PDB file of all heavy atoms in Angstrom:
ATOM      1  N   SER A   1     -10.669  14.070   9.045  1.00  0.00           N
ATOM      2  CA  SER A   1     -11.937  13.483   9.364  1.00  0.00           C
ATOM      3  C   SER A   1     -11.752  12.015   9.822  1.00  0.00           C
ATOM      4  O   SER A   1     -12.681  11.426  10.395  1.00  0.00           O
ATOM      5  CB  SER A   1     -12.984  13.550   8.326  1.00  0.00           C
ATOM      6  OG  SER A   1     -12.408  12.884   7.100  1.00  0.00           O
ATOM      7  N   ASN A   2     -10.564  11.371   9.570  1.00  0.00           N
ATOM      8  CA  ASN A   2     -10.267   9.989   9.822  1.00  0.00           C
ATOM      9  C   ASN A   2      -9.723   9.867  11.280  1.00  0.00           C
ATOM     10  O   ASN A   2      -9.493   8.740  11.743  1.00  0.00           O
ATOM     11  CB  ASN A   2      -9.396   9.420   8.873  1.00  0.00           C
ATOM     12  CG  ASN A   2     -10.135   9.362   7.519  1.00  0.00           C
ATOM     13  OD1 ASN A   2     -11.233   8.956   7.386  1.00  0.00           O
ATOM     14  ND2 ASN A   2      -9.405   9.687   6.483  1.00  0.00           N
ATOM     15  N   GLN A   3      -9.377  10.978  11.911  1.00  0.00           N
ATOM     16  CA  GLN A   3      -8.654  10.874  13.231  1.00  0.00           C
ATOM     17  C   GLN A   3      -9.564  11.291  14.374  1.00  0.00           C
ATOM     18  O   GLN A   3     -10.188  12.315  14.345  1.00  0.00           O
ATOM     19  CB  GLN A   3      -7.427  11.657  13.230  1.00  0.00           C
ATOM     20  CG  GLN A   3      -6.381  11.058  12.270  1.00  0.00           C
ATOM     21  CD  GLN A   3      -4.923  11.737  12.433  1.00  0.00           C
ATOM     22  OE1 GLN A   3      -4.860  12.761  13.080  1.00  0.00           O
ATOM     23  NE2 GLN A   3      -3.973  11.146  11.837  1.00  0.00           N
ATOM     24  N   THR A   4      -9.587  10.474  15.440  1.00  0.00           N
ATOM     25  CA  THR A   4     -10.404  10.764  16.609  1.00  0.00           C
ATOM     26  C   THR A   4      -9.498  10.725  17.883  1.00  0.00           C
ATOM     27  O   THR A   4      -8.789   9.809  18.119  1.00  0.00           O
ATOM     28  CB  THR A   4     -11.533   9.771  16.706  1.00  0.00           C
ATOM     29  OG1 THR A   4     -12.260   9.770  15.534  1.00  0.00           O
ATOM     30  CG2 THR A   4     -12.455  10.120  17.944  1.00  0.00           C
ATOM     31  N   LEU A   5      -9.661  11.795  18.735  1.00  0.00           N
ATOM     32  CA  LEU A   5      -8.979  11.938  19.967  1.00  0.00           C
ATOM     33  C   LEU A   5      -9.843  11.332  21.006  1.00  0.00           C
ATOM     34  O   LEU A   5     -10.959  11.842  21.240  1.00  0.00           O
ATOM     35  CB  LEU A   5      -8.617  13.350  20.308  1.00  0.00           C
ATOM     36  CG  LEU A   5      -7.953  13.687  21.614  1.00  0.00           C
ATOM     37  CD1 LEU A   5      -6.661  13.001  21.817  1.00  0.00           C
ATOM     38  CD2 LEU A   5      -7.884  15.171  21.810  1.00  0.00           C
ATOM     39  N   PHE A   6      -9.333  10.330  21.813  1.00  0.00           N
ATOM     40  CA  PHE A   6     -10.078   9.751  22.931  1.00  0.00           C
ATOM     41  C   PHE A   6      -9.292  10.248  24.201  1.00  0.00           C
ATOM     42  O   PHE A   6      -8.157  10.179  24.341  1.00  0.00           O
ATOM     43  CB  PHE A   6     -10.029   8.292  22.848  1.00  0.00           C
ATOM     44  CG  PHE A   6     -10.834   7.640  21.800  1.00  0.00           C
ATOM     45  CD1 PHE A   6     -10.404   7.546  20.445  1.00  0.00           C
ATOM     46  CD2 PHE A   6     -12.103   7.282  22.145  1.00  0.00           C
ATOM     47  CE1 PHE A   6     -11.161   6.999  19.481  1.00  0.00           C
ATOM     48  CE2 PHE A   6     -12.965   6.659  21.141  1.00  0.00           C
ATOM     49  CZ  PHE A   6     -12.418   6.536  19.804  1.00  0.00           C
ATOM     50  N   ILE A   7     -10.153  10.767  25.050  1.00  0.00           N
ATOM     51  CA  ILE A   7      -9.662  11.347  26.438  1.00  0.00           C
ATOM     52  C   ILE A   7     -10.426  10.589  27.544  1.00  0.00           C
ATOM     53  O   ILE A   7     -11.531  10.609  27.594  1.00  0.00           O
ATOM     54  CB  ILE A   7      -9.943  12.911  26.485  1.00  0.00           C
ATOM     55  CG1 ILE A   7      -9.271  13.630  25.300  1.00  0.00           C
ATOM     56  CG2 ILE A   7      -9.354  13.403  27.783  1.00  0.00           C
ATOM     57  CD1 ILE A   7      -9.509  15.166  25.391  1.00  0.00           C
ATOM     58  N   TYR A   8      -9.635  10.058  28.423  1.00  0.00           N
ATOM     59  CA  TYR A   8     -10.155   9.338  29.604  1.00  0.00           C
ATOM     60  C   TYR A   8      -9.998  10.284  30.808  1.00  0.00           C
ATOM     61  O   TYR A   8      -8.995  10.934  30.952  1.00  0.00           O
ATOM     62  CB  TYR A   8      -9.337   8.052  29.810  1.00  0.00           C
ATOM     63  CG  TYR A   8      -9.594   6.930  28.861  1.00  0.00           C
ATOM     64  CD1 TYR A   8     -10.338   7.141  27.719  1.00  0.00           C
ATOM     65  CD2 TYR A   8      -9.075   5.613  29.026  1.00  0.00           C
ATOM     66  CE1 TYR A   8     -10.622   6.087  26.785  1.00  0.00           C
ATOM     67  CE2 TYR A   8      -9.169   4.725  28.164  1.00  0.00           C
ATOM     68  CZ  TYR A   8     -10.053   4.804  27.057  1.00  0.00           C
ATOM     69  OH  TYR A   8     -10.288   3.804  26.167  1.00  0.00           O
ATOM     70  N   SER A   9     -10.918  10.132  31.714  1.00  0.00           N
ATOM     71  CA  SER A   9     -10.913  10.818  32.975  1.00  0.00           C
ATOM     72  C   SER A   9     -11.638  10.055  34.027  1.00  0.00           C
ATOM     73  O   SER A   9     -12.298   9.048  33.725  1.00  0.00           O
ATOM     74  CB  SER A   9     -11.591  12.168  32.832  1.00  0.00           C
ATOM     75  OG  SER A   9     -12.967  12.083  32.481  1.00  0.00           O
ATOM     76  N   THR A  10     -11.448  10.355  35.273  1.00  0.00           N
ATOM     77  CA  THR A  10     -12.016   9.692  36.423  1.00  0.00           C
ATOM     78  C   THR A  10     -12.805  10.587  37.251  1.00  0.00           C
ATOM     79  O   THR A  10     -12.497  11.875  37.327  1.00  0.00           O
ATOM     80  CB  THR A  10     -10.933   8.971  37.228  1.00  0.00           C
ATOM     81  OG1 THR A  10     -10.001   9.886  37.655  1.00  0.00           O
ATOM     82  CG2 THR A  10     -10.334   7.821  36.410  1.00  0.00           C
ATOM     83  N   GLU A  11     -13.679  10.032  38.080  1.00  0.00           N
ATOM     84  CA  GLU A  11     -14.412  10.908  38.997  1.00  0.00           C
ATOM     85  C   GLU A  11     -13.487  11.452  40.151  1.00  0.00           C
ATOM     86  O   GLU A  11     -12.673  10.686  40.645  1.00  0.00           O
ATOM     87  CB  GLU A  11     -15.503  10.109  39.703  1.00  0.00           C
ATOM     88  CG  GLU A  11     -16.466  10.926  40.526  1.00  0.00           C
ATOM     89  CD  GLU A  11     -17.650  10.035  41.088  1.00  0.00           C
ATOM     90  OE1 GLU A  11     -17.809   8.920  40.503  1.00  0.00           O
ATOM     91  OE2 GLU A  11     -18.280  10.458  42.027  1.00  0.00           O
ATOM     92  N   SER A  12     -13.631  12.720  40.480  1.00  0.00           N
ATOM     93  CA  SER A  12     -12.805  13.290  41.534  1.00  0.00           C
ATOM     94  C   SER A  12     -12.879  12.630  42.834  1.00  0.00           C
ATOM     95  O   SER A  12     -14.023  12.130  43.205  1.00  0.00           O
ATOM     96  CB  SER A  12     -13.263  14.771  41.669  1.00  0.00           C
ATOM     97  OG  SER A  12     -12.963  15.523  40.501  1.00  0.00           O
ATOM     98  N   ASP A  13     -11.789  12.430  43.516  1.00  0.00           N
ATOM     99  CA  ASP A  13     -11.739  11.797  44.882  1.00  0.00           C
ATOM    100  C   ASP A  13     -12.253  10.392  44.886  1.00  0.00           C
ATOM    101  O   ASP A  13     -12.699   9.887  45.890  1.00  0.00           O
ATOM    102  CB  ASP A  13     -12.493  12.659  45.893  1.00  0.00           C
ATOM    103  CG  ASP A  13     -12.032  14.099  45.897  1.00  0.00           C
ATOM    104  OD1 ASP A  13     -10.763  14.330  46.007  1.00  0.00           O
ATOM    105  OD2 ASP A  13     -12.821  14.981  46.111  1.00  0.00           O
ATOM    106  N   SER A  14     -12.071   9.733  43.738  1.00  0.00           N
ATOM    107  CA  SER A  14     -12.569   8.373  43.672  1.00  0.00           C
ATOM    108  C   SER A  14     -11.396   7.387  43.760  1.00  0.00           C
ATOM    109  O   SER A  14     -10.089   7.810  43.573  1.00  0.00           O
ATOM    110  CB  SER A  14     -13.349   8.052  42.358  1.00  0.00           C
ATOM    111  OG  SER A  14     -12.473   8.275  41.244  1.00  0.00           O
ATOM    112  N   SER A  15     -11.566   6.128  43.969  1.00  0.00           N
ATOM    113  CA  SER A  15     -10.516   5.142  43.930  1.00  0.00           C
ATOM    114  C   SER A  15      -9.930   5.037  42.585  1.00  0.00           C
ATOM    115  O   SER A  15      -8.759   4.792  42.469  1.00  0.00           O
ATOM    116  CB  SER A  15     -11.108   3.755  44.445  1.00  0.00           C
ATOM    117  OG  SER A  15     -12.082   3.276  43.533  1.00  0.00           O
ATOM    118  N   SER A  16     -10.736   5.237  41.470  1.00  0.00           N
ATOM    119  CA  SER A  16     -10.149   5.203  40.152  1.00  0.00           C
ATOM    120  C   SER A  16      -9.090   6.363  39.906  1.00  0.00           C
ATOM    121  O   SER A  16      -8.180   6.226  39.291  1.00  0.00           O
ATOM    122  CB  SER A  16     -11.252   5.324  39.199  1.00  0.00           C
ATOM    123  OG  SER A  16     -12.131   4.163  39.300  1.00  0.00           O
ATOM    124  N   GLU A  17      -9.539   7.546  40.478  1.00  0.00           N
ATOM    125  CA  GLU A  17      -8.576   8.667  40.330  1.00  0.00           C
ATOM    126  C   GLU A  17      -7.217   8.344  41.074  1.00  0.00           C
ATOM    127  O   GLU A  17      -6.172   8.664  40.551  1.00  0.00           O
ATOM    128  CB  GLU A  17      -9.188   9.958  41.022  1.00  0.00           C
ATOM    129  CG  GLU A  17      -8.323  11.147  40.825  1.00  0.00           C
ATOM    130  CD  GLU A  17      -8.781  12.408  41.527  1.00  0.00           C
ATOM    131  OE1 GLU A  17      -9.189  12.285  42.656  1.00  0.00           O
ATOM    132  OE2 GLU A  17      -8.826  13.481  40.864  1.00  0.00           O
ATOM    133  N   THR A  18      -7.340   7.745  42.228  1.00  0.00           N
ATOM    134  CA  THR A  18      -6.128   7.417  43.008  1.00  0.00           C
ATOM    135  C   THR A  18      -5.377   6.416  42.178  1.00  0.00           C
ATOM    136  O   THR A  18      -4.079   6.433  42.140  1.00  0.00           O
ATOM    137  CB  THR A  18      -6.559   6.808  44.354  1.00  0.00           C
ATOM    138  OG1 THR A  18      -7.288   7.801  45.118  1.00  0.00           O
ATOM    139  CG2 THR A  18      -5.318   6.359  45.155  1.00  0.00           C
ATOM    140  N   ALA A  19      -6.023   5.426  41.558  1.00  0.00           N
ATOM    141  CA  ALA A  19      -5.318   4.448  40.764  1.00  0.00           C
ATOM    142  C   ALA A  19      -4.632   5.057  39.570  1.00  0.00           C
ATOM    143  O   ALA A  19      -3.483   4.723  39.291  1.00  0.00           O
ATOM    144  CB  ALA A  19      -6.393   3.439  40.255  1.00  0.00           C
ATOM    145  N   LEU A  20      -5.216   6.012  38.888  1.00  0.00           N
ATOM    146  CA  LEU A  20      -4.499   6.653  37.825  1.00  0.00           C
ATOM    147  C   LEU A  20      -3.285   7.485  38.183  1.00  0.00           C
ATOM    148  O   LEU A  20      -2.306   7.523  37.523  1.00  0.00           O
ATOM    149  CB  LEU A  20      -5.515   7.649  37.074  1.00  0.00           C
ATOM    150  CG  LEU A  20      -6.341   6.999  35.962  1.00  0.00           C
ATOM    151  CD1 LEU A  20      -7.063   7.991  35.086  1.00  0.00           C
ATOM    152  CD2 LEU A  20      -5.481   6.195  34.964  1.00  0.00           C
ATOM    153  N   ARG A  21      -3.507   8.148  39.353  1.00  0.00           N
ATOM    154  CA  ARG A  21      -2.251   8.913  39.880  1.00  0.00           C
ATOM    155  C   ARG A  21      -1.178   7.954  40.273  1.00  0.00           C
ATOM    156  O   ARG A  21       0.033   8.241  39.978  1.00  0.00           O
ATOM    157  CB  ARG A  21      -2.692   9.688  41.126  1.00  0.00           C
ATOM    158  CG  ARG A  21      -3.666  10.937  40.745  1.00  0.00           C
ATOM    159  CD  ARG A  21      -4.048  11.739  41.967  1.00  0.00           C
ATOM    160  NE  ARG A  21      -4.809  12.870  41.546  1.00  0.00           N
ATOM    161  CZ  ARG A  21      -4.346  14.119  41.370  1.00  0.00           C
ATOM    162  NH1 ARG A  21      -3.031  14.289  41.479  1.00  0.00           N
ATOM    163  NH2 ARG A  21      -5.069  15.142  41.006  1.00  0.00           N
ATOM    164  N   LEU A  22      -1.447   6.765  40.873  1.00  0.00           N
ATOM    165  CA  LEU A  22      -0.403   5.815  41.095  1.00  0.00           C
ATOM    166  C   LEU A  22       0.276   5.289  39.779  1.00  0.00           C
ATOM    167  O   LEU A  22       1.368   5.063  39.742  1.00  0.00           O
ATOM    168  CB  LEU A  22      -1.016   4.625  41.978  1.00  0.00           C
ATOM    169  CG  LEU A  22      -1.398   4.903  43.331  1.00  0.00           C
ATOM    170  CD1 LEU A  22      -2.193   3.743  43.925  1.00  0.00           C
ATOM    171  CD2 LEU A  22      -0.136   5.240  44.200  1.00  0.00           C
ATOM    172  N   LEU A  23      -0.632   5.056  38.858  1.00  0.00           N
ATOM    173  CA  LEU A  23      -0.190   4.525  37.528  1.00  0.00           C
ATOM    174  C   LEU A  23       0.695   5.625  36.882  1.00  0.00           C
ATOM    175  O   LEU A  23       1.820   5.245  36.225  1.00  0.00           O
ATOM    176  CB  LEU A  23      -1.260   4.322  36.626  1.00  0.00           C
ATOM    177  CG  LEU A  23      -0.986   3.528  35.261  1.00  0.00           C
ATOM    178  CD1 LEU A  23      -0.387   2.199  35.612  1.00  0.00           C
ATOM    179  CD2 LEU A  23      -2.303   3.363  34.492  1.00  0.00           C
ATOM    180  N   ALA A  24       0.479   6.953  37.071  1.00  0.00           N
ATOM    181  CA  ALA A  24       1.276   7.872  36.424  1.00  0.00           C
ATOM    182  C   ALA A  24       2.657   7.913  37.131  1.00  0.00           C
ATOM    183  O   ALA A  24       3.700   8.078  36.446  1.00  0.00           O
ATOM    184  CB  ALA A  24       0.640   9.339  36.666  1.00  0.00           C
ATOM    185  N   THR A  25       2.661   7.737  38.480  1.00  0.00           N
ATOM    186  CA  THR A  25       3.938   7.679  39.129  1.00  0.00           C
ATOM    187  C   THR A  25       4.738   6.417  38.718  1.00  0.00           C
ATOM    188  O   THR A  25       5.938   6.466  38.373  1.00  0.00           O
ATOM    189  CB  THR A  25       3.741   7.548  40.669  1.00  0.00           C
ATOM    190  OG1 THR A  25       3.102   8.764  41.037  1.00  0.00           O
ATOM    191  CG2 THR A  25       5.077   7.489  41.393  1.00  0.00           C
ATOM    192  N   TRP A  26       4.098   5.313  38.578  1.00  0.00           N
ATOM    193  CA  TRP A  26       4.684   4.028  38.123  1.00  0.00           C
ATOM    194  C   TRP A  26       5.298   4.167  36.750  1.00  0.00           C
ATOM    195  O   TRP A  26       6.452   3.731  36.504  1.00  0.00           O
ATOM    196  CB  TRP A  26       3.743   2.910  38.176  1.00  0.00           C
ATOM    197  CG  TRP A  26       4.169   1.626  37.612  1.00  0.00           C
ATOM    198  CD1 TRP A  26       5.020   0.701  38.173  1.00  0.00           C
ATOM    199  CD2 TRP A  26       3.953   1.033  36.383  1.00  0.00           C
ATOM    200  NE1 TRP A  26       5.223  -0.356  37.518  1.00  0.00           N
ATOM    201  CE2 TRP A  26       4.582  -0.196  36.227  1.00  0.00           C
ATOM    202  CE3 TRP A  26       3.105   1.509  35.275  1.00  0.00           C
ATOM    203  CZ2 TRP A  26       4.454  -0.921  35.056  1.00  0.00           C
ATOM    204  CZ3 TRP A  26       3.071   0.757  34.154  1.00  0.00           C
ATOM    205  CH2 TRP A  26       3.790  -0.461  34.004  1.00  0.00           C
ATOM    206  N   SER A  27       4.648   4.823  35.851  1.00  0.00           N
ATOM    207  CA  SER A  27       5.080   4.932  34.509  1.00  0.00           C
ATOM    208  C   SER A  27       6.300   5.750  34.216  1.00  0.00           C
ATOM    209  O   SER A  27       6.949   5.640  33.232  1.00  0.00           O
ATOM    210  CB  SER A  27       3.826   5.525  33.681  1.00  0.00           C
ATOM    211  OG  SER A  27       3.643   6.864  33.947  1.00  0.00           O
ATOM    212  N   THR A  28       6.606   6.594  35.237  1.00  0.00           N
ATOM    213  CA  THR A  28       7.840   7.466  35.088  1.00  0.00           C
ATOM    214  C   THR A  28       9.008   6.784  35.925  1.00  0.00           C
ATOM    215  O   THR A  28      10.133   7.280  35.821  1.00  0.00           O
ATOM    216  CB  THR A  28       7.643   8.809  35.758  1.00  0.00           C
ATOM    217  OG1 THR A  28       7.227   8.691  37.085  1.00  0.00           O
ATOM    218  CG2 THR A  28       6.509   9.546  34.857  1.00  0.00           C
ATOM    219  N   GLU A  29       8.803   5.606  36.521  1.00  0.00           N
ATOM    220  CA  GLU A  29       9.882   4.941  37.269  1.00  0.00           C
ATOM    221  C   GLU A  29      10.809   4.232  36.172  1.00  0.00           C
ATOM    222  O   GLU A  29      10.351   3.985  35.062  1.00  0.00           O
ATOM    223  CB  GLU A  29       9.354   3.854  38.173  1.00  0.00           C
ATOM    224  CG  GLU A  29       8.537   4.351  39.351  1.00  0.00           C
ATOM    225  CD  GLU A  29       8.035   3.249  40.267  1.00  0.00           C
ATOM    226  OE1 GLU A  29       8.083   2.070  39.726  1.00  0.00           O
ATOM    227  OE2 GLU A  29       7.564   3.517  41.372  1.00  0.00           O
ATOM    228  N   PRO A  30      12.023   3.967  36.612  1.00  0.00           N
ATOM    229  CA  PRO A  30      13.008   3.208  35.699  1.00  0.00           C
ATOM    230  C   PRO A  30      12.366   1.927  35.424  1.00  0.00           C
ATOM    231  O   PRO A  30      11.680   1.377  36.284  1.00  0.00           O
ATOM    232  CB  PRO A  30      14.235   3.175  36.483  1.00  0.00           C
ATOM    233  CG  PRO A  30      14.190   4.383  37.396  1.00  0.00           C
ATOM    234  CD  PRO A  30      12.734   4.419  37.845  1.00  0.00           C
ATOM    235  N   LEU A  31      12.711   1.278  34.249  1.00  0.00           N
ATOM    236  CA  LEU A  31      12.081   0.043  33.911  1.00  0.00           C
ATOM    237  C   LEU A  31      12.327  -1.111  34.951  1.00  0.00           C
ATOM    238  O   LEU A  31      11.410  -1.844  35.144  1.00  0.00           O
ATOM    239  CB  LEU A  31      12.693  -0.308  32.471  1.00  0.00           C
ATOM    240  CG  LEU A  31      12.113   0.382  31.302  1.00  0.00           C
ATOM    241  CD1 LEU A  31      12.796  -0.062  30.009  1.00  0.00           C
ATOM    242  CD2 LEU A  31      10.558   0.242  31.244  1.00  0.00           C
ATOM    243  N   PRO A  32      13.599  -1.238  35.468  1.00  0.00           N
ATOM    244  CA  PRO A  32      13.615  -2.318  36.405  1.00  0.00           C
ATOM    245  C   PRO A  32      12.741  -2.244  37.652  1.00  0.00           C
ATOM    246  O   PRO A  32      12.154  -3.195  38.224  1.00  0.00           O
ATOM    247  CB  PRO A  32      15.187  -2.273  36.920  1.00  0.00           C
ATOM    248  CG  PRO A  32      15.790  -1.574  35.718  1.00  0.00           C
ATOM    249  CD  PRO A  32      14.849  -0.564  35.177  1.00  0.00           C
ATOM    250  N   ASP A  33      12.585  -0.960  38.127  1.00  0.00           N
ATOM    251  CA  ASP A  33      11.671  -0.660  39.211  1.00  0.00           C
ATOM    252  C   ASP A  33      10.139  -0.876  38.886  1.00  0.00           C
ATOM    253  O   ASP A  33       9.367  -1.454  39.609  1.00  0.00           O
ATOM    254  CB  ASP A  33      11.722   0.826  39.745  1.00  0.00           C
ATOM    255  CG  ASP A  33      13.187   1.038  40.386  1.00  0.00           C
ATOM    256  OD1 ASP A  33      13.822   0.130  40.740  1.00  0.00           O
ATOM    257  OD2 ASP A  33      13.497   2.207  40.462  1.00  0.00           O
ATOM    258  N   ARG A  34       9.907  -0.634  37.599  1.00  0.00           N
ATOM    259  CA  ARG A  34       8.465  -0.880  37.203  1.00  0.00           C
ATOM    260  C   ARG A  34       8.235  -2.369  37.027  1.00  0.00           C
ATOM    261  O   ARG A  34       7.036  -2.848  37.435  1.00  0.00           O
ATOM    262  CB  ARG A  34       8.278  -0.245  35.845  1.00  0.00           C
ATOM    263  CG  ARG A  34       8.281   1.268  35.836  1.00  0.00           C
ATOM    264  CD  ARG A  34       8.299   1.863  34.410  1.00  0.00           C
ATOM    265  NE  ARG A  34       7.175   1.405  33.588  1.00  0.00           N
ATOM    266  CZ  ARG A  34       6.954   1.830  32.327  1.00  0.00           C
ATOM    267  NH1 ARG A  34       7.826   2.719  31.765  1.00  0.00           N
ATOM    268  NH2 ARG A  34       5.913   1.491  31.688  1.00  0.00           N
ATOM    269  N   ALA A  35       9.267  -3.151  36.638  1.00  0.00           N
ATOM    270  CA  ALA A  35       9.108  -4.505  36.561  1.00  0.00           C
ATOM    271  C   ALA A  35       8.906  -5.149  37.993  1.00  0.00           C
ATOM    272  O   ALA A  35       8.051  -6.084  38.111  1.00  0.00           O
ATOM    273  CB  ALA A  35      10.297  -5.163  35.916  1.00  0.00           C
ATOM    274  N   ARG A  36       9.641  -4.639  38.901  1.00  0.00           N
ATOM    275  CA  ARG A  36       9.471  -5.194  40.283  1.00  0.00           C
ATOM    276  C   ARG A  36       8.093  -4.913  40.877  1.00  0.00           C
ATOM    277  O   ARG A  36       7.495  -5.687  41.541  1.00  0.00           O
ATOM    278  CB  ARG A  36      10.550  -4.611  41.195  1.00  0.00           C
ATOM    279  CG  ARG A  36      11.963  -5.390  41.000  1.00  0.00           C
ATOM    280  CD  ARG A  36      12.903  -4.967  42.158  1.00  0.00           C
ATOM    281  NE  ARG A  36      13.255  -3.525  42.084  1.00  0.00           N
ATOM    282  CZ  ARG A  36      14.303  -3.018  41.426  1.00  0.00           C
ATOM    283  NH1 ARG A  36      15.062  -3.864  40.678  1.00  0.00           N
ATOM    284  NH2 ARG A  36      14.584  -1.832  41.440  1.00  0.00           N
ATOM    285  N   THR A  37       7.635  -3.679  40.603  1.00  0.00           N
ATOM    286  CA  THR A  37       6.253  -3.246  41.093  1.00  0.00           C
ATOM    287  C   THR A  37       5.223  -4.108  40.480  1.00  0.00           C
ATOM    288  O   THR A  37       4.237  -4.532  41.141  1.00  0.00           O
ATOM    289  CB  THR A  37       6.058  -1.786  40.736  1.00  0.00           C
ATOM    290  OG1 THR A  37       7.088  -0.989  41.296  1.00  0.00           O
ATOM    291  CG2 THR A  37       4.675  -1.322  41.337  1.00  0.00           C
ATOM    292  N   ALA A  38       5.336  -4.306  39.134  1.00  0.00           N
ATOM    293  CA  ALA A  38       4.227  -5.178  38.468  1.00  0.00           C
ATOM    294  C   ALA A  38       4.293  -6.613  39.025  1.00  0.00           C
ATOM    295  O   ALA A  38       3.265  -7.197  39.284  1.00  0.00           O
ATOM    296  CB  ALA A  38       4.582  -5.191  36.998  1.00  0.00           C
TER     297      ALA A  38
END
């Protein structure tokens, strides 16, 4: 009862959905590439 799962989602075909998909790609890049992108 002390644990809560938070799930985030975005509206379909929105700029926010596009941003999350880009973020997902960025998060799987090697660390040096992620640093350069940031």
